[in-house]
Amino acid sequence: MCRVLATQAPQRFEQVSRSLRIAGHSTSIRLEAAFWNVLDEIARGEGLSTSKLISALHDEAVEIHQGVSNLASMLRTVCLLHQREQAAGGRQVRA
């Protein structure tokens, strides 16, 4: 086996809920701690709070795709794409 799980701190897998406001509505998002860490990193890089980043991502998805069917899933995908771009030296990765 690849032993990826065995080499990670269990805290990275813990579910963490955060409350925030999106489009004027209070909501709660539950993600694994590892995803929150990436979202915090992206937000710092953009000069935003994590809450503002998530709100901006939501607004962008509504504008481009006319809605968000699963916000937590979209945020996980954003984290994956961000990590892939970082690994590619900042170049935008397709697929």
PDB file of N, CA and C in Angstrom:
ATOM      1  N   MET A   1       0.832  -1.186   0.000  1.00  0.00           N
ATOM      2  CA  MET A   1       0.000   0.000   0.000  1.00  0.00           C
ATOM      3  C   MET A   1       0.877   1.251   0.000  1.00  0.00           C
ATOM      4  N   CYS A   2       0.279   2.358  -0.282  1.00  0.00           N
ATOM      5  CA  CYS A   2       1.061   3.597  -0.411  1.00  0.00           C
ATOM      6  C   CYS A   2       1.399   4.230   0.937  1.00  0.00           C
ATOM      7  N   ARG A   3       0.728   3.863   2.000  1.00  0.00           N
ATOM      8  CA  ARG A   3       1.013   4.334   3.369  1.00  0.00           C
ATOM      9  C   ARG A   3       0.814   5.841   3.549  1.00  0.00           C
ATOM     10  N   VAL A   4       0.017   6.469   2.701  1.00  0.00           N
ATOM     11  CA  VAL A   4      -0.235   7.905   2.834  1.00  0.00           C
ATOM     12  C   VAL A   4      -0.921   8.202   4.159  1.00  0.00           C
ATOM     13  N   LEU A   5      -1.910   7.437   4.520  1.00  0.00           N
ATOM     14  CA  LEU A   5      -2.636   7.689   5.770  1.00  0.00           C
ATOM     15  C   LEU A   5      -1.750   7.488   6.992  1.00  0.00           C
ATOM     16  N   ALA A   6      -0.884   6.502   6.937  1.00  0.00           N
ATOM     17  CA  ALA A   6      -0.036   6.186   8.079  1.00  0.00           C
ATOM     18  C   ALA A   6       0.967   7.288   8.390  1.00  0.00           C
ATOM     19  N   THR A   7       1.278   8.120   7.406  1.00  0.00           N
ATOM     20  CA  THR A   7       2.290   9.153   7.618  1.00  0.00           C
ATOM     21  C   THR A   7       1.686  10.512   7.957  1.00  0.00           C
ATOM     22  N   GLN A   8       0.366  10.596   8.093  1.00  0.00           N
ATOM     23  CA  GLN A   8      -0.309  11.866   8.366  1.00  0.00           C
ATOM     24  C   GLN A   8      -0.776  11.951   9.812  1.00  0.00           C
ATOM     25  N   ALA A   9      -0.776  13.152  10.332  1.00  0.00           N
ATOM     26  CA  ALA A   9      -1.315  13.378  11.675  1.00  0.00           C
ATOM     27  C   ALA A   9      -2.835  13.191  11.637  1.00  0.00           C
ATOM     28  N   PRO A  10      -3.393  12.463  12.576  1.00  0.00           N
ATOM     29  CA  PRO A  10      -4.840  12.230  12.595  1.00  0.00           C
ATOM     30  C   PRO A  10      -5.664  13.527  12.620  1.00  0.00           C
ATOM     31  N   GLN A  11      -5.099  14.594  13.165  1.00  0.00           N
ATOM     32  CA  GLN A  11      -5.816  15.866  13.243  1.00  0.00           C
ATOM     33  C   GLN A  11      -6.168  16.411  11.868  1.00  0.00           C
ATOM     34  N   ARG A  12      -5.396  16.085  10.848  1.00  0.00           N
ATOM     35  CA  ARG A  12      -5.671  16.577   9.489  1.00  0.00           C
ATOM     36  C   ARG A  12      -6.976  16.018   8.942  1.00  0.00           C
ATOM     37  N   PHE A  13      -7.444  14.906   9.488  1.00  0.00           N
ATOM     38  CA  PHE A  13      -8.656  14.244   9.018  1.00  0.00           C
ATOM     39  C   PHE A  13      -9.893  14.609   9.845  1.00  0.00           C
ATOM     40  N   GLU A  14      -9.695  15.310  10.943  1.00  0.00           N
ATOM     41  CA  GLU A  14     -10.828  15.668  11.802  1.00  0.00           C
ATOM     42  C   GLU A  14     -11.769  16.621  11.093  1.00  0.00           C
ATOM     43  N   GLN A  15     -13.063  16.394  11.280  1.00  0.00           N
ATOM     44  CA  GLN A  15     -14.083  17.273  10.732  1.00  0.00           C
ATOM     45  C   GLN A  15     -14.158  18.541  11.581  1.00  0.00           C
ATOM     46  N   VAL A  16     -14.150  19.687  10.904  1.00  0.00           N
ATOM     47  CA  VAL A  16     -14.220  20.984  11.585  1.00  0.00           C
ATOM     48  C   VAL A  16     -15.350  21.784  10.947  1.00  0.00           C
ATOM     49  N   SER A  17     -16.234  22.325  11.776  1.00  0.00           N
ATOM     50  CA  SER A  17     -17.314  23.176  11.280  1.00  0.00           C
ATOM     51  C   SER A  17     -16.966  24.626  11.545  1.00  0.00           C
ATOM     52  N   ARG A  18     -17.244  25.470  10.566  1.00  0.00           N
ATOM     53  CA  ARG A  18     -17.070  26.909  10.731  1.00  0.00           C
ATOM     54  C   ARG A  18     -18.355  27.590  10.283  1.00  0.00           C
ATOM     55  N   SER A  19     -18.738  28.602  11.030  1.00  0.00           N
ATOM     56  CA  SER A  19     -19.918  29.388  10.675  1.00  0.00           C
ATOM     57  C   SER A  19     -19.486  30.654   9.962  1.00  0.00           C
ATOM     58  N   LEU A  20     -20.244  31.025   8.930  1.00  0.00           N
ATOM     59  CA  LEU A  20     -19.950  32.243   8.188  1.00  0.00           C
ATOM     60  C   LEU A  20     -21.218  32.737   7.503  1.00  0.00           C
ATOM     61  N   ARG A  21     -21.110  33.912   6.889  1.00  0.00           N
ATOM     62  CA  ARG A  21     -22.227  34.490   6.154  1.00  0.00           C
ATOM     63  C   ARG A  21     -21.902  34.481   4.671  1.00  0.00           C
ATOM     64  N   ILE A  22     -22.856  33.993   3.898  1.00  0.00           N
ATOM     65  CA  ILE A  22     -22.730  33.979   2.445  1.00  0.00           C
ATOM     66  C   ILE A  22     -23.992  34.595   1.880  1.00  0.00           C
ATOM     67  N   ALA A  23     -23.809  35.635   1.071  1.00  0.00           N
ATOM     68  CA  ALA A  23     -24.939  36.340   0.456  1.00  0.00           C
ATOM     69  C   ALA A  23     -25.959  36.769   1.502  1.00  0.00           C
ATOM     70  N   GLY A  24     -25.458  37.209   2.650  1.00  0.00           N
ATOM     71  CA  GLY A  24     -26.326  37.702   3.708  1.00  0.00           C
ATOM     72  C   GLY A  24     -26.977  36.636   4.568  1.00  0.00           C
ATOM     73  N   HIS A  25     -26.656  35.370   4.328  1.00  0.00           N
ATOM     74  CA  HIS A  25     -27.257  34.271   5.090  1.00  0.00           C
ATOM     75  C   HIS A  25     -26.197  33.581   5.939  1.00  0.00           C
ATOM     76  N   SER A  26     -26.540  33.293   7.182  1.00  0.00           N
ATOM     77  CA  SER A  26     -25.628  32.537   8.047  1.00  0.00           C
ATOM     78  C   SER A  26     -25.670  31.070   7.652  1.00  0.00           C
ATOM     79  N   THR A  27     -24.506  30.458   7.625  1.00  0.00           N
ATOM     80  CA  THR A  27     -24.422  29.044   7.292  1.00  0.00           C
ATOM     81  C   THR A  27     -23.250  28.424   8.027  1.00  0.00           C
ATOM     82  N   SER A  28     -23.191  27.135   8.017  1.00  0.00           N
ATOM     83  CA  SER A  28     -22.098  26.401   8.630  1.00  0.00           C
ATOM     84  C   SER A  28     -21.547  25.435   7.586  1.00  0.00           C
ATOM     85  N   ILE A  29     -20.231  25.354   7.505  1.00  0.00           N
ATOM     86  CA  ILE A  29     -19.585  24.455   6.562  1.00  0.00           C
ATOM     87  C   ILE A  29     -18.713  23.499   7.361  1.00  0.00           C
ATOM     88  N   ARG A  30     -18.833  22.230   7.038  1.00  0.00           N
ATOM     89  CA  ARG A  30     -18.052  21.188   7.710  1.00  0.00           C
ATOM     90  C   ARG A  30     -17.084  20.575   6.708  1.00  0.00           C
ATOM     91  N   LEU A  31     -15.791  20.718   6.993  1.00  0.00           N
ATOM     92  CA  LEU A  31     -14.733  20.165   6.152  1.00  0.00           C
ATOM     93  C   LEU A  31     -13.659  19.552   7.045  1.00  0.00           C
ATOM     94  N   GLU A  32     -12.842  18.717   6.467  1.00  0.00           N
ATOM     95  CA  GLU A  32     -11.701  18.173   7.197  1.00  0.00           C
ATOM     96  C   GLU A  32     -10.689  19.294   7.428  1.00  0.00           C
ATOM     97  N   ALA A  33      -9.960  19.186   8.530  1.00  0.00           N
ATOM     98  CA  ALA A  33      -9.001  20.226   8.916  1.00  0.00           C
ATOM     99  C   ALA A  33      -7.991  20.506   7.803  1.00  0.00           C
ATOM    100  N   ALA A  34      -7.572  19.494   7.072  1.00  0.00           N
ATOM    101  CA  ALA A  34      -6.599  19.695   5.988  1.00  0.00           C
ATOM    102  C   ALA A  34      -7.147  20.657   4.939  1.00  0.00           C
ATOM    103  N   PHE A  35      -8.442  20.579   4.637  1.00  0.00           N
ATOM    104  CA  PHE A  35      -9.034  21.488   3.656  1.00  0.00           C
ATOM    105  C   PHE A  35      -9.125  22.913   4.207  1.00  0.00           C
ATOM    106  N   TRP A  36      -9.452  23.040   5.490  1.00  0.00           N
ATOM    107  CA  TRP A  36      -9.481  24.383   6.090  1.00  0.00           C
ATOM    108  C   TRP A  36      -8.094  25.008   6.025  1.00  0.00           C
ATOM    109  N   ASN A  37      -7.050  24.208   6.245  1.00  0.00           N
ATOM    110  CA  ASN A  37      -5.685  24.735   6.179  1.00  0.00           C
ATOM    111  C   ASN A  37      -5.383  25.292   4.794  1.00  0.00           C
ATOM    112  N   VAL A  38      -5.792  24.575   3.756  1.00  0.00           N
ATOM    113  CA  VAL A  38      -5.547  25.042   2.389  1.00  0.00           C
ATOM    114  C   VAL A  38      -6.371  26.299   2.112  1.00  0.00           C
ATOM    115  N   LEU A  39      -7.631  26.313   2.526  1.00  0.00           N
ATOM    116  CA  LEU A  39      -8.462  27.505   2.319  1.00  0.00           C
ATOM    117  C   LEU A  39      -7.880  28.713   3.051  1.00  0.00           C
ATOM    118  N   ASP A  40      -7.374  28.508   4.260  1.00  0.00           N
ATOM    119  CA  ASP A  40      -6.728  29.602   4.998  1.00  0.00           C
ATOM    120  C   ASP A  40      -5.507  30.115   4.232  1.00  0.00           C
ATOM    121  N   GLU A  41      -4.739  29.200   3.653  1.00  0.00           N
ATOM    122  CA  GLU A  41      -3.549  29.561   2.869  1.00  0.00           C
ATOM    123  C   GLU A  41      -3.941  30.374   1.627  1.00  0.00           C
ATOM    124  N   ILE A  42      -4.963  29.914   0.925  1.00  0.00           N
ATOM    125  CA  ILE A  42      -5.424  30.629  -0.267  1.00  0.00           C
ATOM    126  C   ILE A  42      -5.896  32.029   0.121  1.00  0.00           C
ATOM    127  N   ALA A  43      -6.669  32.111   1.193  1.00  0.00           N
ATOM    128  CA  ALA A  43      -7.193  33.403   1.647  1.00  0.00           C
ATOM    129  C   ALA A  43      -6.061  34.369   1.991  1.00  0.00           C
ATOM    130  N   ARG A  44      -5.050  33.886   2.713  1.00  0.00           N
ATOM    131  CA  ARG A  44      -3.894  34.736   3.036  1.00  0.00           C
ATOM    132  C   ARG A  44      -3.239  35.260   1.767  1.00  0.00           C
ATOM    133  N   GLY A  45      -3.083  34.384   0.794  1.00  0.00           N
ATOM    134  CA  GLY A  45      -2.463  34.768  -0.474  1.00  0.00           C
ATOM    135  C   GLY A  45      -3.272  35.809  -1.234  1.00  0.00           C
ATOM    136  N   GLU A  46      -4.582  35.815  -1.027  1.00  0.00           N
ATOM    137  CA  GLU A  46      -5.464  36.775  -1.686  1.00  0.00           C
ATOM    138  C   GLU A  46      -5.695  38.030  -0.839  1.00  0.00           C
ATOM    139  N   GLY A  47      -5.143  38.045   0.374  1.00  0.00           N
ATOM    140  CA  GLY A  47      -5.347  39.179   1.267  1.00  0.00           C
ATOM    141  C   GLY A  47      -6.768  39.260   1.811  1.00  0.00           C
ATOM    142  N   LEU A  48      -7.396  38.101   1.985  1.00  0.00           N
ATOM    143  CA  LEU A  48      -8.778  38.034   2.464  1.00  0.00           C
ATOM    144  C   LEU A  48      -8.866  37.163   3.707  1.00  0.00           C
ATOM    145  N   SER A  49      -9.955  37.318   4.434  1.00  0.00           N
ATOM    146  CA  SER A  49     -10.258  36.345   5.473  1.00  0.00           C
ATOM    147  C   SER A  49     -10.782  35.096   4.768  1.00  0.00           C
ATOM    148  N   THR A  50     -10.737  33.978   5.431  1.00  0.00           N
ATOM    149  CA  THR A  50     -11.245  32.742   4.840  1.00  0.00           C
ATOM    150  C   THR A  50     -12.733  32.867   4.548  1.00  0.00           C
ATOM    151  N   SER A  51     -13.446  33.511   5.428  1.00  0.00           N
ATOM    152  CA  SER A  51     -14.876  33.726   5.221  1.00  0.00           C
ATOM    153  C   SER A  51     -15.142  34.539   3.956  1.00  0.00           C
ATOM    154  N   LYS A  52     -14.383  35.600   3.758  1.00  0.00           N
ATOM    155  CA  LYS A  52     -14.537  36.442   2.555  1.00  0.00           C
ATOM    156  C   LYS A  52     -14.160  35.657   1.296  1.00  0.00           C
ATOM    157  N   LEU A  53     -13.119  34.846   1.377  1.00  0.00           N
ATOM    158  CA  LEU A  53     -12.724  34.014   0.244  1.00  0.00           C
ATOM    159  C   LEU A  53     -13.862  33.078  -0.145  1.00  0.00           C
ATOM    160  N   ILE A  54     -14.433  32.390   0.832  1.00  0.00           N
ATOM    161  CA  ILE A  54     -15.509  31.444   0.552  1.00  0.00           C
ATOM    162  C   ILE A  54     -16.718  32.169  -0.033  1.00  0.00           C
ATOM    163  N   SER A  55     -17.023  33.321   0.496  1.00  0.00           N
ATOM    164  CA  SER A  55     -18.127  34.106  -0.040  1.00  0.00           C
ATOM    165  C   SER A  55     -17.860  34.499  -1.494  1.00  0.00           C
ATOM    166  N   ALA A  56     -16.631  34.906  -1.796  1.00  0.00           N
ATOM    167  CA  ALA A  56     -16.265  35.281  -3.168  1.00  0.00           C
ATOM    168  C   ALA A  56     -16.338  34.071  -4.103  1.00  0.00           C
ATOM    169  N   LEU A  57     -15.872  32.904  -3.634  1.00  0.00           N
ATOM    170  CA  LEU A  57     -15.956  31.696  -4.446  1.00  0.00           C
ATOM    171  C   LEU A  57     -17.409  31.324  -4.716  1.00  0.00           C
ATOM    172  N   HIS A  58     -18.234  31.455  -3.699  1.00  0.00           N
ATOM    173  CA  HIS A  58     -19.666  31.179  -3.867  1.00  0.00           C
ATOM    174  C   HIS A  58     -20.270  32.117  -4.903  1.00  0.00           C
ATOM    175  N   ASP A  59     -19.994  33.406  -4.768  1.00  0.00           N
ATOM    176  CA  ASP A  59     -20.537  34.391  -5.710  1.00  0.00           C
ATOM    177  C   ASP A  59     -20.067  34.112  -7.135  1.00  0.00           C
ATOM    178  N   GLU A  60     -18.804  33.731  -7.284  1.00  0.00           N
ATOM    179  CA  GLU A  60     -18.259  33.414  -8.603  1.00  0.00           C
ATOM    180  C   GLU A  60     -18.974  32.198  -9.201  1.00  0.00           C
ATOM    181  N   ALA A  61     -19.203  31.184  -8.384  1.00  0.00           N
ATOM    182  CA  ALA A  61     -19.902  29.983  -8.866  1.00  0.00           C
ATOM    183  C   ALA A  61     -21.335  30.299  -9.275  1.00  0.00           C
ATOM    184  N   VAL A  62     -21.988  31.157  -8.514  1.00  0.00           N
ATOM    185  CA  VAL A  62     -23.356  31.557  -8.859  1.00  0.00           C
ATOM    186  C   VAL A  62     -23.352  32.310 -10.182  1.00  0.00           C
ATOM    187  N   GLU A  63     -22.391  33.207 -10.340  1.00  0.00           N
ATOM    188  CA  GLU A  63     -22.302  34.004 -11.565  1.00  0.00           C
ATOM    189  C   GLU A  63     -22.002  33.127 -12.785  1.00  0.00           C
ATOM    190  N   ILE A  64     -21.057  32.228 -12.656  1.00  0.00           N
ATOM    191  CA  ILE A  64     -20.608  31.430 -13.797  1.00  0.00           C
ATOM    192  C   ILE A  64     -21.509  30.217 -14.051  1.00  0.00           C
ATOM    193  N   HIS A  65     -21.920  29.551 -12.967  1.00  0.00           N
ATOM    194  CA  HIS A  65     -22.648  28.286 -13.103  1.00  0.00           C
ATOM    195  C   HIS A  65     -24.106  28.376 -12.637  1.00  0.00           C
ATOM    196  N   GLN A  66     -24.564  29.558 -12.326  1.00  0.00           N
ATOM    197  CA  GLN A  66     -25.937  29.800 -11.879  1.00  0.00           C
ATOM    198  C   GLN A  66     -26.288  29.073 -10.578  1.00  0.00           C
ATOM    199  N   GLY A  67     -25.305  28.788  -9.772  1.00  0.00           N
ATOM    200  CA  GLY A  67     -25.582  28.199  -8.474  1.00  0.00           C
ATOM    201  C   GLY A  67     -24.483  27.278  -7.989  1.00  0.00           C
ATOM    202  N   VAL A  68     -24.670  26.805  -6.779  1.00  0.00           N
ATOM    203  CA  VAL A  68     -23.743  25.871  -6.145  1.00  0.00           C
ATOM    204  C   VAL A  68     -24.583  24.753  -5.548  1.00  0.00           C
ATOM    205  N   SER A  69     -24.466  23.555  -6.085  1.00  0.00           N
ATOM    206  CA  SER A  69     -25.287  22.459  -5.571  1.00  0.00           C
ATOM    207  C   SER A  69     -24.720  21.885  -4.272  1.00  0.00           C
ATOM    208  N   ASN A  70     -23.393  21.933  -4.109  1.00  0.00           N
ATOM    209  CA  ASN A  70     -22.766  21.393  -2.904  1.00  0.00           C
ATOM    210  C   ASN A  70     -21.534  22.239  -2.598  1.00  0.00           C
ATOM    211  N   LEU A  71     -21.680  23.184  -1.682  1.00  0.00           N
ATOM    212  CA  LEU A  71     -20.604  24.132  -1.380  1.00  0.00           C
ATOM    213  C   LEU A  71     -19.367  23.427  -0.823  1.00  0.00           C
ATOM    214  N   ALA A  72     -19.546  22.476   0.079  1.00  0.00           N
ATOM    215  CA  ALA A  72     -18.393  21.777   0.659  1.00  0.00           C
ATOM    216  C   ALA A  72     -17.607  21.040  -0.420  1.00  0.00           C
ATOM    217  N   SER A  73     -18.304  20.411  -1.333  1.00  0.00           N
ATOM    218  CA  SER A  73     -17.636  19.715  -2.426  1.00  0.00           C
ATOM    219  C   SER A  73     -16.885  20.694  -3.320  1.00  0.00           C
ATOM    220  N   MET A  74     -17.499  21.836  -3.618  1.00  0.00           N
ATOM    221  CA  MET A  74     -16.829  22.842  -4.432  1.00  0.00           C
ATOM    222  C   MET A  74     -15.554  23.321  -3.741  1.00  0.00           C
ATOM    223  N   LEU A  75     -15.613  23.533  -2.430  1.00  0.00           N
ATOM    224  CA  LEU A  75     -14.437  24.006  -1.701  1.00  0.00           C
ATOM    225  C   LEU A  75     -13.324  22.964  -1.690  1.00  0.00           C
ATOM    226  N   ARG A  76     -13.679  21.693  -1.554  1.00  0.00           N
ATOM    227  CA  ARG A  76     -12.663  20.637  -1.616  1.00  0.00           C
ATOM    228  C   ARG A  76     -11.994  20.627  -2.991  1.00  0.00           C
ATOM    229  N   THR A  77     -12.793  20.813  -4.034  1.00  0.00           N
ATOM    230  CA  THR A  77     -12.246  20.837  -5.391  1.00  0.00           C
ATOM    231  C   THR A  77     -11.331  22.039  -5.583  1.00  0.00           C
ATOM    232  N   VAL A  78     -11.717  23.199  -5.054  1.00  0.00           N
ATOM    233  CA  VAL A  78     -10.870  24.391  -5.120  1.00  0.00           C
ATOM    234  C   VAL A  78      -9.524  24.101  -4.444  1.00  0.00           C
ATOM    235  N   CYS A  79      -9.561  23.445  -3.303  1.00  0.00           N
ATOM    236  CA  CYS A  79      -8.323  23.102  -2.591  1.00  0.00           C
ATOM    237  C   CYS A  79      -7.449  22.179  -3.431  1.00  0.00           C
ATOM    238  N   LEU A  80      -8.045  21.169  -4.036  1.00  0.00           N
ATOM    239  CA  LEU A  80      -7.297  20.243  -4.880  1.00  0.00           C
ATOM    240  C   LEU A  80      -6.657  20.974  -6.053  1.00  0.00           C
ATOM    241  N   LEU A  81      -7.433  21.810  -6.735  1.00  0.00           N
ATOM    242  CA  LEU A  81      -6.900  22.557  -7.872  1.00  0.00           C
ATOM    243  C   LEU A  81      -5.787  23.502  -7.451  1.00  0.00           C
ATOM    244  N   HIS A  82      -5.965  24.149  -6.303  1.00  0.00           N
ATOM    245  CA  HIS A  82      -4.923  25.047  -5.789  1.00  0.00           C
ATOM    246  C   HIS A  82      -3.630  24.271  -5.529  1.00  0.00           C
ATOM    247  N   GLN A  83      -3.738  23.128  -4.882  1.00  0.00           N
ATOM    248  CA  GLN A  83      -2.555  22.326  -4.568  1.00  0.00           C
ATOM    249  C   GLN A  83      -1.871  21.848  -5.849  1.00  0.00           C
ATOM    250  N   ARG A  84      -2.658  21.463  -6.839  1.00  0.00           N
ATOM    251  CA  ARG A  84      -2.078  21.018  -8.115  1.00  0.00           C
ATOM    252  C   ARG A  84      -1.362  22.170  -8.799  1.00  0.00           C
ATOM    253  N   GLU A  85      -1.943  23.363  -8.763  1.00  0.00           N
ATOM    254  CA  GLU A  85      -1.291  24.521  -9.374  1.00  0.00           C
ATOM    255  C   GLU A  85       0.004  24.862  -8.646  1.00  0.00           C
ATOM    256  N   GLN A  86      -0.007  24.761  -7.330  1.00  0.00           N
ATOM    257  CA  GLN A  86       1.208  25.018  -6.561  1.00  0.00           C
ATOM    258  C   GLN A  86       2.298  24.019  -6.943  1.00  0.00           C
ATOM    259  N   ALA A  87       1.914  22.768  -7.087  1.00  0.00           N
ATOM    260  CA  ALA A  87       2.877  21.729  -7.462  1.00  0.00           C
ATOM    261  C   ALA A  87       3.415  21.935  -8.878  1.00  0.00           C
ATOM    262  N   ALA A  88       2.610  22.573  -9.724  1.00  0.00           N
ATOM    263  CA  ALA A  88       3.011  22.834 -11.110  1.00  0.00           C
ATOM    264  C   ALA A  88       3.735  24.164 -11.242  1.00  0.00           C
ATOM    265  N   GLY A  89       4.132  24.725 -10.129  1.00  0.00           N
ATOM    266  CA  GLY A  89       4.871  25.987 -10.150  1.00  0.00           C
ATOM    267  C   GLY A  89       4.012  27.207 -10.409  1.00  0.00           C
ATOM    268  N   GLY A  90       2.741  27.122 -10.015  1.00  0.00           N
ATOM    269  CA  GLY A  90       1.853  28.284 -10.173  1.00  0.00           C
ATOM    270  C   GLY A  90       1.134  28.349 -11.496  1.00  0.00           C
ATOM    271  N   ARG A  91       1.439  27.425 -12.396  1.00  0.00           N
ATOM    272  CA  ARG A  91       0.741  27.404 -13.687  1.00  0.00           C
ATOM    273  C   ARG A  91      -0.637  26.798 -13.487  1.00  0.00           C
ATOM    274  N   GLN A  92      -1.611  27.326 -14.204  1.00  0.00           N
ATOM    275  CA  GLN A  92      -2.970  26.815 -14.099  1.00  0.00           C
ATOM    276  C   GLN A  92      -3.013  25.414 -14.694  1.00  0.00           C
ATOM    277  N   VAL A  93      -3.597  24.476 -13.955  1.00  0.00           N
ATOM    278  CA  VAL A  93      -3.661  23.077 -14.371  1.00  0.00           C
ATOM    279  C   VAL A  93      -5.069  22.794 -14.855  1.00  0.00           C
ATOM    280  N   ARG A  94      -5.192  22.180 -16.005  1.00  0.00           N
ATOM    281  CA  ARG A  94      -6.496  21.789 -16.552  1.00  0.00           C
ATOM    282  C   ARG A  94      -6.746  20.330 -16.266  1.00  0.00           C
ATOM    283  N   ALA A  95      -7.983  20.002 -15.976  1.00  0.00           N
ATOM    284  CA  ALA A  95      -8.473  18.640 -15.786  1.00  0.00           C
ATOM    285  C   ALA A  95      -8.911  18.377 -14.413  1.00  0.00           C
TER     286      ALA A  95
END
